[in-house]
Amino acid sequence: MSIIYVLIPIAIIIVALALVIFFWAVKTNQFEDLDRQGYSILFDDDLSGDEKKLAEQRKQLQQRKETNDRD
């Protein structure tokens, strides 16, 4: 029975902490736009000049590797 005297305050502290975190998230607009992050994966960003060069080099290396593996 004495364990209840420990568990009840711990439970109250956990609930209070959860409420504080929830209200902080609402206050800082964490729930403002939930769909944007889900759709952002569908859109490709344009590559910069350096990134295009690296992508071409990787593509060429991959093609060379594939042709060497075939032989």
Protein backbone atom coordinates (compact mmCIF):
# COMPACT_ATOMS: atom_id res chain seq x y z
CA MET A 1 0.00 0.00 0.00
CA SER A 2 2.86 2.38 0.67
CA ILE A 3 4.02 2.04 -2.96
CA ILE A 4 0.92 4.01 -4.00
CA TYR A 5 2.32 7.02 -2.15
CA VAL A 6 5.29 6.86 -4.53
CA LEU A 7 3.51 5.90 -7.76
CA ILE A 8 0.82 8.57 -7.66
CA PRO A 9 3.25 11.54 -7.50
CA ILE A 10 5.41 9.93 -10.21
CA ALA A 11 2.35 9.52 -12.43
CA ILE A 12 1.30 13.13 -11.82
CA ILE A 13 4.81 14.35 -12.71
CA ILE A 14 4.84 12.31 -15.94
CA VAL A 15 1.41 13.62 -16.99
CA ALA A 16 2.42 17.19 -16.16
CA LEU A 17 5.61 16.80 -18.18
CA ALA A 18 3.66 15.42 -21.14
CA LEU A 19 1.26 18.37 -20.98
CA VAL A 20 4.12 20.87 -20.83
CA ILE A 21 5.76 19.28 -23.87
CA PHE A 22 2.45 19.23 -25.77
CA PHE A 23 1.68 22.89 -25.06
CA TRP A 24 5.26 23.86 -25.97
CA ALA A 25 4.86 22.07 -29.31
CA VAL A 26 1.57 23.84 -30.01
CA LYS A 27 3.00 27.22 -28.99
CA THR A 28 6.05 26.86 -31.26
CA ASN A 29 3.86 25.84 -34.25
CA GLN A 30 5.14 22.28 -34.48
CA PHE A 31 1.71 21.17 -35.67
CA GLU A 32 1.19 24.03 -38.14
CA ASP A 33 1.80 22.18 -41.41
CA LEU A 34 1.75 18.42 -41.06
CA ASP A 35 1.37 17.64 -44.78
CA ARG A 36 4.36 19.57 -46.13
CA GLN A 37 6.99 17.11 -44.92
CA GLY A 38 5.02 14.20 -46.33
CA TYR A 39 4.86 15.74 -49.78
CA SER A 40 8.40 17.13 -49.83
CA ILE A 41 9.84 13.71 -50.57
CA LEU A 42 7.93 13.67 -53.86
CA PHE A 43 9.65 16.77 -55.23
CA ASP A 44 13.20 16.63 -56.53
CA ASP A 45 15.45 19.60 -56.01
CA ASP A 46 17.50 20.82 -58.94
CA LEU A 47 21.15 19.93 -58.66
CA SER A 48 23.79 22.65 -58.59
CA GLY A 49 26.69 22.66 -61.06
CA ASP A 50 29.08 20.77 -58.80
CA GLU A 51 26.44 18.22 -57.87
CA LYS A 52 25.68 17.63 -61.57
CA LYS A 53 29.35 16.96 -62.28
CA LEU A 54 29.59 14.53 -59.38
CA ALA A 55 26.42 12.76 -60.47
CA GLU A 56 27.78 12.39 -64.01
CA GLN A 57 31.08 11.04 -62.72
CA ARG A 58 29.31 8.52 -60.51
CA LYS A 59 27.12 7.46 -63.41
CA GLN A 60 30.14 6.97 -65.67
CA LEU A 61 31.98 4.98 -62.99
CA GLN A 62 28.94 2.80 -62.46
CA GLN A 63 28.65 2.15 -66.20
CA ARG A 64 32.35 1.27 -66.41
CA LYS A 65 32.02 -1.06 -63.47
CA GLU A 66 29.03 -2.80 -65.05
CA THR A 67 30.84 -3.26 -68.38
CA ASN A 68 33.92 -4.63 -66.58
CA ASP A 69 31.76 -7.04 -64.60
CA ARG A 70 30.20 -8.38 -67.80
CA ASP A 71 33.58 -9.18 -69.33
